[in-house]
Amino acid sequence: MVFECVKRVNELVKRMSLLEESIAVETGYIKGLYVKASKSMSETQHYFLNGIQASPVAKSYLLTKKGIEVVGEEAIPIPTFIDEVLNFANYPKKKIEVLMVLAKHLEAMPMNLS
């Protein structure tokens, strides 16, 4: 009975590893699309990233040609920003939710990313 329990838990650990690997792959893909979107923008264009907030202090994140900008702060490189956002998502379900928000923003952007 205990052996079966250990075996089932080990199976869960393997599936969790596969899920975490898939999350890492999708994160890399989304980073690439955001970099591509940023590079295709003019100096005056920006896209407001609402819904990406994990802290009690509200900030306005803008995708610009320079990366991710917050009013009054230095531009953040896109890969760094996405890594930081995902670091606040402590568990895989939350990370997937954050990736979905990022993907929905890409879908709504008025530019061709194909």
N, C-alpha and C. Protein backbone atom coordinates (compact mmCIF):
# COMPACT_ATOMS: atom_id res chain seq x y z
N MET A 1 0.83 -1.19 0.00
CA MET A 1 0.00 0.00 0.00
C MET A 1 0.88 1.26 0.00
N VAL A 2 1.88 1.33 0.87
CA VAL A 2 2.77 2.49 0.92
C VAL A 2 3.58 2.59 -0.37
N PHE A 3 4.02 1.44 -0.86
CA PHE A 3 4.79 1.42 -2.11
C PHE A 3 3.97 2.03 -3.25
N GLU A 4 2.70 1.69 -3.36
CA GLU A 4 1.83 2.24 -4.39
C GLU A 4 1.66 3.75 -4.24
N CYS A 5 1.55 4.20 -3.01
CA CYS A 5 1.41 5.63 -2.75
C CYS A 5 2.67 6.38 -3.21
N VAL A 6 3.82 5.85 -2.86
CA VAL A 6 5.10 6.46 -3.26
C VAL A 6 5.21 6.46 -4.78
N LYS A 7 4.81 5.39 -5.39
CA LYS A 7 4.86 5.27 -6.85
C LYS A 7 3.96 6.34 -7.51
N ARG A 8 2.75 6.53 -6.99
CA ARG A 8 1.83 7.53 -7.54
C ARG A 8 2.37 8.95 -7.34
N VAL A 9 2.96 9.21 -6.19
CA VAL A 9 3.53 10.53 -5.94
C VAL A 9 4.72 10.78 -6.86
N ASN A 10 5.54 9.78 -7.07
CA ASN A 10 6.66 9.91 -8.02
C ASN A 10 6.15 10.23 -9.42
N GLU A 11 5.04 9.64 -9.79
CA GLU A 11 4.43 9.91 -11.10
C GLU A 11 3.98 11.37 -11.17
N LEU A 12 3.42 11.89 -10.08
CA LEU A 12 3.03 13.30 -10.03
C LEU A 12 4.24 14.21 -10.17
N VAL A 13 5.33 13.85 -9.52
CA VAL A 13 6.57 14.63 -9.61
C VAL A 13 7.05 14.68 -11.07
N LYS A 14 7.00 13.55 -11.76
CA LYS A 14 7.42 13.51 -13.17
C LYS A 14 6.52 14.40 -14.03
N ARG A 15 5.21 14.33 -13.80
CA ARG A 15 4.28 15.15 -14.58
C ARG A 15 4.49 16.63 -14.28
N MET A 16 4.78 16.95 -13.04
CA MET A 16 5.03 18.35 -12.67
C MET A 16 6.29 18.86 -13.38
N SER A 17 7.31 18.02 -13.46
CA SER A 17 8.54 18.41 -14.18
C SER A 17 8.25 18.68 -15.65
N LEU A 18 7.43 17.83 -16.26
CA LEU A 18 7.06 18.04 -17.66
C LEU A 18 6.28 19.34 -17.82
N LEU A 19 5.38 19.62 -16.90
CA LEU A 19 4.61 20.86 -16.94
C LEU A 19 5.53 22.07 -16.81
N GLU A 20 6.47 22.01 -15.89
CA GLU A 20 7.41 23.12 -15.70
C GLU A 20 8.28 23.33 -16.93
N GLU A 21 8.67 22.24 -17.59
CA GLU A 21 9.44 22.36 -18.84
C GLU A 21 8.59 23.03 -19.92
N SER A 22 7.32 22.65 -20.01
CA SER A 22 6.43 23.25 -20.99
C SER A 22 6.24 24.74 -20.72
N ILE A 23 6.12 25.10 -19.46
CA ILE A 23 5.98 26.51 -19.09
C ILE A 23 7.23 27.28 -19.51
N ALA A 24 8.40 26.70 -19.31
CA ALA A 24 9.65 27.35 -19.70
C ALA A 24 9.72 27.55 -21.22
N VAL A 25 9.28 26.56 -21.98
CA VAL A 25 9.28 26.67 -23.44
C VAL A 25 8.35 27.79 -23.89
N GLU A 26 7.14 27.82 -23.36
CA GLU A 26 6.17 28.86 -23.73
C GLU A 26 6.65 30.24 -23.30
N THR A 27 7.30 30.31 -22.15
CA THR A 27 7.84 31.59 -21.68
C THR A 27 8.87 32.11 -22.67
N GLY A 28 9.75 31.27 -23.13
CA GLY A 28 10.75 31.67 -24.12
C GLY A 28 10.11 32.15 -25.41
N TYR A 29 9.07 31.45 -25.84
CA TYR A 29 8.37 31.82 -27.07
C TYR A 29 7.70 33.19 -26.92
N ILE A 30 7.03 33.40 -25.79
CA ILE A 30 6.37 34.68 -25.55
C ILE A 30 7.38 35.82 -25.45
N LYS A 31 8.52 35.56 -24.82
CA LYS A 31 9.57 36.58 -24.76
C LYS A 31 9.97 37.00 -26.17
N GLY A 32 10.16 36.02 -27.03
CA GLY A 32 10.55 36.31 -28.41
C GLY A 32 9.52 37.13 -29.15
N LEU A 33 8.24 36.81 -28.94
CA LEU A 33 7.18 37.57 -29.61
C LEU A 33 7.12 39.01 -29.09
N TYR A 34 7.31 39.18 -27.79
CA TYR A 34 7.31 40.54 -27.23
C TYR A 34 8.49 41.35 -27.75
N VAL A 35 9.65 40.73 -27.86
CA VAL A 35 10.82 41.43 -28.41
C VAL A 35 10.54 41.83 -29.86
N LYS A 36 9.95 40.91 -30.61
CA LYS A 36 9.61 41.20 -32.01
C LYS A 36 8.61 42.35 -32.09
N ALA A 37 7.59 42.32 -31.24
CA ALA A 37 6.59 43.39 -31.23
C ALA A 37 7.24 44.73 -30.89
N SER A 38 8.11 44.71 -29.90
CA SER A 38 8.80 45.93 -29.48
C SER A 38 9.64 46.50 -30.61
N LYS A 39 10.39 45.65 -31.28
CA LYS A 39 11.25 46.11 -32.37
C LYS A 39 10.46 46.67 -33.55
N SER A 40 9.22 46.20 -33.71
CA SER A 40 8.42 46.67 -34.84
C SER A 40 7.71 47.99 -34.55
N MET A 41 7.81 48.48 -33.33
CA MET A 41 7.14 49.73 -32.96
C MET A 41 7.99 50.94 -33.34
N SER A 42 7.30 52.04 -33.59
CA SER A 42 8.03 53.29 -33.81
C SER A 42 8.39 53.87 -32.44
N GLU A 43 9.20 54.90 -32.43
CA GLU A 43 9.62 55.53 -31.17
C GLU A 43 8.45 56.11 -30.39
N THR A 44 7.38 56.48 -31.09
CA THR A 44 6.24 57.12 -30.42
C THR A 44 5.13 56.15 -30.05
N GLN A 45 5.21 54.92 -30.52
CA GLN A 45 4.18 53.93 -30.21
C GLN A 45 4.40 53.32 -28.84
N HIS A 46 3.30 52.87 -28.23
CA HIS A 46 3.38 52.10 -27.00
C HIS A 46 2.12 51.26 -26.88
N TYR A 47 2.19 50.21 -26.08
CA TYR A 47 1.04 49.36 -25.83
C TYR A 47 0.94 49.17 -24.32
N PHE A 48 -0.21 49.49 -23.75
CA PHE A 48 -0.44 49.41 -22.31
C PHE A 48 -0.71 47.97 -21.91
N LEU A 49 0.09 47.46 -20.98
CA LEU A 49 -0.05 46.09 -20.48
C LEU A 49 -0.81 46.10 -19.17
N ASN A 50 -2.12 46.10 -19.25
CA ASN A 50 -2.91 46.07 -18.02
C ASN A 50 -3.12 44.62 -17.57
N GLY A 51 -3.41 44.44 -16.32
CA GLY A 51 -3.67 43.10 -15.81
C GLY A 51 -2.44 42.33 -15.41
N ILE A 52 -1.28 42.93 -15.49
CA ILE A 52 -0.04 42.26 -15.10
C ILE A 52 0.45 42.95 -13.84
N GLN A 53 -0.18 42.63 -12.74
CA GLN A 53 0.10 43.32 -11.49
C GLN A 53 0.05 42.32 -10.34
N ALA A 54 1.12 42.20 -9.62
CA ALA A 54 1.12 41.31 -8.46
C ALA A 54 1.46 42.05 -7.18
N SER A 55 1.74 43.33 -7.30
CA SER A 55 2.10 44.09 -6.10
C SER A 55 0.99 45.06 -5.75
N PRO A 56 0.93 45.49 -4.50
CA PRO A 56 -0.13 46.42 -4.10
C PRO A 56 0.06 47.82 -4.67
N VAL A 57 1.26 48.14 -5.12
CA VAL A 57 1.53 49.45 -5.71
C VAL A 57 1.23 49.37 -7.20
N ALA A 58 0.24 50.13 -7.64
CA ALA A 58 -0.17 50.10 -9.05
C ALA A 58 0.87 50.80 -9.92
N LYS A 59 1.28 50.11 -10.98
CA LYS A 59 2.20 50.69 -11.95
C LYS A 59 1.60 50.51 -13.33
N SER A 60 1.92 51.41 -14.21
CA SER A 60 1.48 51.31 -15.59
C SER A 60 2.65 50.80 -16.43
N TYR A 61 2.50 49.59 -16.95
CA TYR A 61 3.54 48.99 -17.78
C TYR A 61 3.21 49.25 -19.24
N LEU A 62 4.21 49.74 -19.97
CA LEU A 62 4.03 50.03 -21.39
C LEU A 62 5.07 49.27 -22.19
N LEU A 63 4.62 48.58 -23.23
CA LEU A 63 5.53 47.98 -24.19
C LEU A 63 5.90 49.08 -25.17
N THR A 64 7.19 49.34 -25.31
CA THR A 64 7.67 50.37 -26.23
C THR A 64 8.84 49.82 -27.04
N LYS A 65 9.35 50.63 -27.91
CA LYS A 65 10.52 50.23 -28.71
C LYS A 65 11.73 49.93 -27.83
N LYS A 66 11.78 50.55 -26.63
CA LYS A 66 12.91 50.36 -25.71
C LYS A 66 12.75 49.15 -24.80
N GLY A 67 11.59 48.54 -24.77
CA GLY A 67 11.32 47.42 -23.87
C GLY A 67 10.05 47.68 -23.09
N ILE A 68 10.04 47.34 -21.82
CA ILE A 68 8.90 47.61 -20.96
C ILE A 68 9.25 48.84 -20.14
N GLU A 69 8.37 49.83 -20.19
CA GLU A 69 8.62 51.07 -19.46
C GLU A 69 7.55 51.29 -18.40
N VAL A 70 7.98 51.86 -17.30
CA VAL A 70 7.10 52.32 -16.24
C VAL A 70 7.38 53.81 -16.11
N VAL A 71 6.32 54.60 -16.08
CA VAL A 71 6.48 56.05 -16.00
C VAL A 71 7.39 56.40 -14.82
N GLY A 72 8.42 57.19 -15.08
CA GLY A 72 9.35 57.63 -14.05
C GLY A 72 10.46 56.65 -13.71
N GLU A 73 10.54 55.54 -14.42
CA GLU A 73 11.59 54.54 -14.17
C GLU A 73 12.32 54.22 -15.46
N GLU A 74 13.44 53.53 -15.32
CA GLU A 74 14.21 53.09 -16.48
C GLU A 74 13.45 52.00 -17.23
N ALA A 75 13.68 51.89 -18.53
CA ALA A 75 13.09 50.81 -19.32
C ALA A 75 13.67 49.48 -18.84
N ILE A 76 12.83 48.46 -18.83
CA ILE A 76 13.23 47.12 -18.40
C ILE A 76 13.32 46.26 -19.66
N PRO A 77 14.41 45.50 -19.85
CA PRO A 77 14.45 44.59 -20.99
C PRO A 77 13.29 43.59 -20.89
N ILE A 78 12.70 43.28 -22.02
CA ILE A 78 11.52 42.42 -22.05
C ILE A 78 11.75 41.07 -21.36
N PRO A 79 12.84 40.34 -21.66
CA PRO A 79 13.04 39.05 -20.98
C PRO A 79 13.12 39.20 -19.46
N THR A 80 13.76 40.25 -18.98
CA THR A 80 13.86 40.49 -17.53
C THR A 80 12.48 40.74 -16.95
N PHE A 81 11.68 41.57 -17.62
CA PHE A 81 10.34 41.88 -17.15
C PHE A 81 9.49 40.61 -17.04
N ILE A 82 9.50 39.80 -18.09
CA ILE A 82 8.68 38.58 -18.08
C ILE A 82 9.16 37.63 -16.99
N ASP A 83 10.48 37.49 -16.83
CA ASP A 83 11.00 36.64 -15.74
C ASP A 83 10.54 37.15 -14.37
N GLU A 84 10.58 38.47 -14.18
CA GLU A 84 10.17 39.04 -12.89
C GLU A 84 8.68 38.83 -12.64
N VAL A 85 7.87 39.00 -13.68
CA VAL A 85 6.43 38.78 -13.53
C VAL A 85 6.15 37.32 -13.15
N LEU A 86 6.84 36.41 -13.81
CA LEU A 86 6.61 34.99 -13.51
C LEU A 86 7.16 34.58 -12.15
N ASN A 87 8.18 35.29 -11.66
CA ASN A 87 8.70 34.97 -10.33
C ASN A 87 7.67 35.22 -9.24
N PHE A 88 6.74 36.16 -9.49
CA PHE A 88 5.67 36.40 -8.52
C PHE A 88 4.63 35.29 -8.54
N ALA A 89 4.57 34.56 -9.63
CA ALA A 89 3.63 33.44 -9.74
C ALA A 89 4.31 32.20 -9.17
N ASN A 90 4.01 31.88 -7.93
CA ASN A 90 4.75 30.85 -7.20
C ASN A 90 4.46 29.42 -7.65
N TYR A 91 3.38 29.19 -8.33
CA TYR A 91 3.03 27.82 -8.66
C TYR A 91 2.61 27.74 -10.13
N PRO A 92 2.68 26.56 -10.74
CA PRO A 92 2.46 26.42 -12.18
C PRO A 92 1.13 26.99 -12.68
N LYS A 93 0.05 26.78 -11.95
CA LYS A 93 -1.25 27.29 -12.40
C LYS A 93 -1.21 28.81 -12.55
N LYS A 94 -0.62 29.49 -11.60
CA LYS A 94 -0.52 30.95 -11.67
C LYS A 94 0.39 31.37 -12.82
N LYS A 95 1.49 30.65 -13.04
CA LYS A 95 2.39 30.98 -14.14
C LYS A 95 1.66 30.85 -15.48
N ILE A 96 0.83 29.81 -15.61
CA ILE A 96 0.07 29.62 -16.84
C ILE A 96 -0.93 30.76 -17.00
N GLU A 97 -1.55 31.19 -15.91
CA GLU A 97 -2.48 32.32 -15.98
C GLU A 97 -1.77 33.59 -16.44
N VAL A 98 -0.57 33.84 -15.92
CA VAL A 98 0.21 35.01 -16.32
C VAL A 98 0.59 34.91 -17.80
N LEU A 99 1.01 33.73 -18.24
CA LEU A 99 1.35 33.54 -19.65
C LEU A 99 0.13 33.79 -20.53
N MET A 100 -1.05 33.39 -20.06
CA MET A 100 -2.27 33.62 -20.83
C MET A 100 -2.56 35.12 -20.96
N VAL A 101 -2.36 35.87 -19.88
CA VAL A 101 -2.56 37.32 -19.95
C VAL A 101 -1.58 37.93 -20.96
N LEU A 102 -0.33 37.50 -20.90
CA LEU A 102 0.67 38.01 -21.85
C LEU A 102 0.30 37.63 -23.28
N ALA A 103 -0.17 36.40 -23.48
CA ALA A 103 -0.56 35.96 -24.82
C ALA A 103 -1.77 36.74 -25.34
N LYS A 104 -2.72 37.02 -24.46
CA LYS A 104 -3.91 37.80 -24.86
C LYS A 104 -3.51 39.22 -25.28
N HIS A 105 -2.52 39.79 -24.61
CA HIS A 105 -2.02 41.11 -25.02
C HIS A 105 -1.43 41.03 -26.42
N LEU A 106 -0.64 39.99 -26.68
CA LEU A 106 -0.06 39.83 -28.01
C LEU A 106 -1.16 39.74 -29.07
N GLU A 107 -2.19 39.00 -28.74
CA GLU A 107 -3.31 38.82 -29.67
C GLU A 107 -4.01 40.15 -29.97
N ALA A 108 -4.08 41.03 -28.98
CA ALA A 108 -4.77 42.30 -29.13
C ALA A 108 -3.93 43.39 -29.78
N MET A 109 -2.62 43.18 -29.88
CA MET A 109 -1.75 44.21 -30.44
C MET A 109 -2.03 44.39 -31.94
N PRO A 110 -2.08 45.64 -32.37
CA PRO A 110 -2.41 45.92 -33.77
C PRO A 110 -1.24 45.77 -34.73
N MET A 111 -0.47 44.70 -34.59
CA MET A 111 0.67 44.50 -35.50
C MET A 111 0.75 43.03 -35.86
N ASN A 112 1.34 42.76 -36.98
CA ASN A 112 1.47 41.39 -37.47
C ASN A 112 2.74 40.78 -36.90
N LEU A 113 2.60 39.74 -36.07
CA LEU A 113 3.77 39.11 -35.46
C LEU A 113 4.08 37.75 -36.06
N SER A 114 3.47 37.43 -37.20
CA SER A 114 3.72 36.11 -37.79
C SER A 114 5.01 36.05 -38.56
